[in-house]
Amino acid sequence: MQDWQREIHRQADLSSRAEGLTAPRAQAILDARALYPDSTLAQLYDPLLMPSELVQAHQRLDRAVERCYRPEPFASDRERVEFLFRLYEQLAAPLLPAPTPTRRRRRLAS
């Protein structure tokens, strides 16, 4: 098996694991929202009024998503975002075109 094939299999394994970790927790968020059928999303996600069931469901999903990337939890939202942006940069770098060297023009003697 070539390196690229191993990488595809590794990514597929990670995707299966991630789905197994996150799908039930995402459903728990939907279930928590369903407890408040008369509330809008704006009302449900108001930081001062967010129902505790919904907060806890989101926290469980956040921890599950974090485990997809690394075993230890992130210390803060900022650390999580920085980590994810670095990962994105690594993944996107091969997709960006290589910069073309610019040729300097020679000055014509006057």
Protein backbone atom coordinates (compact mmCIF):
# COMPACT_ATOMS: atom_id res chain seq x y z
CA MET A 1 0.00 0.00 0.00
CA GLN A 2 1.35 3.41 -0.95
CA ASP A 3 1.60 6.39 1.40
CA TRP A 4 -1.37 8.18 -0.12
CA GLN A 5 -3.51 5.05 0.24
CA ARG A 6 -2.52 4.71 3.89
CA GLU A 7 -3.45 8.35 4.45
CA ILE A 8 -6.89 7.84 2.88
CA HIS A 9 -7.51 4.83 5.12
CA ARG A 10 -6.31 6.77 8.16
CA GLN A 11 -8.66 9.66 7.34
CA ALA A 12 -11.57 7.25 6.80
CA ASP A 13 -10.90 5.64 10.19
CA LEU A 14 -10.81 9.08 11.82
CA SER A 15 -14.06 10.05 10.10
CA SER A 16 -15.81 6.89 11.32
CA ARG A 17 -14.53 7.46 14.84
CA ALA A 18 -15.54 11.12 14.75
CA GLU A 19 -19.03 10.28 13.57
CA GLY A 20 -19.41 7.66 16.29
CA LEU A 21 -18.34 10.19 18.93
CA THR A 22 -20.28 13.18 17.68
CA ALA A 23 -23.55 11.92 16.18
CA PRO A 24 -25.24 10.97 19.46
CA ARG A 25 -24.07 14.19 21.08
CA ALA A 26 -25.38 16.28 18.18
CA GLN A 27 -28.70 14.48 18.57
CA ALA A 28 -28.68 15.37 22.27
CA ILE A 29 -28.49 19.04 21.26
CA LEU A 30 -31.51 18.64 19.02
CA ASP A 31 -33.33 16.80 21.81
CA ALA A 32 -32.52 19.60 24.27
CA ARG A 33 -33.84 22.19 21.81
CA ALA A 34 -37.02 20.16 21.37
CA LEU A 35 -37.76 20.61 25.07
CA TYR A 36 -38.47 24.28 24.25
CA PRO A 37 -40.69 24.20 21.14
CA ASP A 38 -41.96 27.75 21.61
CA SER A 39 -38.46 29.27 21.82
CA THR A 40 -36.58 30.67 18.86
CA LEU A 41 -32.90 29.87 18.31
CA ALA A 42 -32.10 33.42 19.38
CA GLN A 43 -33.88 32.83 22.65
CA LEU A 44 -32.33 29.40 23.19
CA TYR A 45 -28.81 30.68 22.55
CA ASP A 46 -29.04 33.89 24.57
CA PRO A 47 -25.97 33.54 26.83
CA LEU A 48 -27.92 34.74 29.86
CA LEU A 49 -30.98 32.54 29.30
CA MET A 50 -29.62 29.40 27.62
CA PRO A 51 -31.24 26.32 29.20
CA SER A 52 -28.81 24.20 31.22
CA GLU A 53 -29.72 21.07 29.24
CA LEU A 54 -28.62 22.81 26.05
CA VAL A 55 -25.43 24.16 27.60
CA GLN A 56 -24.49 20.68 28.86
CA ALA A 57 -25.30 19.04 25.52
CA HIS A 58 -23.03 21.53 23.72
CA GLN A 59 -20.25 20.99 26.24
CA ARG A 60 -20.42 17.22 25.69
CA LEU A 61 -20.30 17.71 21.92
CA ASP A 62 -17.34 20.10 22.25
CA ARG A 63 -15.41 17.51 24.28
CA ALA A 64 -16.20 14.78 21.75
CA VAL A 65 -15.03 16.95 18.84
CA GLU A 66 -11.85 17.82 20.73
CA ARG A 67 -11.11 14.12 21.23
CA CYS A 68 -11.23 13.70 17.46
CA TYR A 69 -8.21 16.00 17.21
CA ARG A 70 -6.21 15.23 20.34
CA PRO A 71 -6.61 13.32 23.58
CA GLU A 72 -6.32 16.25 26.00
CA PRO A 73 -8.96 18.99 26.13
CA PHE A 74 -8.25 22.55 25.07
CA ALA A 75 -7.70 25.00 27.89
CA SER A 76 -9.78 27.73 26.22
CA ASP A 77 -11.82 28.60 23.15
CA ARG A 78 -8.86 30.63 21.91
CA GLU A 79 -6.54 27.61 22.13
CA ARG A 80 -9.11 25.51 20.24
CA VAL A 81 -9.47 28.09 17.46
CA GLU A 82 -5.69 28.55 17.13
CA PHE A 83 -5.21 24.79 16.90
CA LEU A 84 -7.92 24.43 14.26
CA PHE A 85 -6.55 27.31 12.17
CA ARG A 86 -3.05 25.78 12.25
CA LEU A 87 -4.55 22.46 11.16
CA TYR A 88 -6.47 24.20 8.38
CA GLU A 89 -3.31 25.94 7.18
CA GLN A 90 -1.48 22.60 7.03
CA LEU A 91 -4.32 20.98 5.11
CA ALA A 92 -4.84 23.91 2.72
CA ALA A 93 -1.17 24.62 1.99
CA PRO A 94 -0.84 21.95 -0.74
CA LEU A 95 -3.91 23.40 -2.46
CA LEU A 96 -2.48 26.88 -2.81
CA PRO A 97 -0.58 27.61 -6.01
CA ALA A 98 3.14 28.04 -5.65
CA PRO A 99 4.18 31.66 -6.04
CA THR A 100 5.62 32.39 -9.44
CA PRO A 101 8.99 34.09 -9.33
CA THR A 102 8.89 37.61 -10.67
CA ARG A 103 11.49 38.56 -13.21
CA ARG A 104 13.22 41.84 -12.75
CA ARG A 105 13.38 44.05 -15.77
CA ARG A 106 16.72 45.25 -16.85
CA ARG A 107 17.11 48.93 -17.20
CA LEU A 108 17.95 50.12 -20.61
CA ALA A 109 21.01 52.30 -20.83
CA SER A 110 20.07 55.79 -21.87
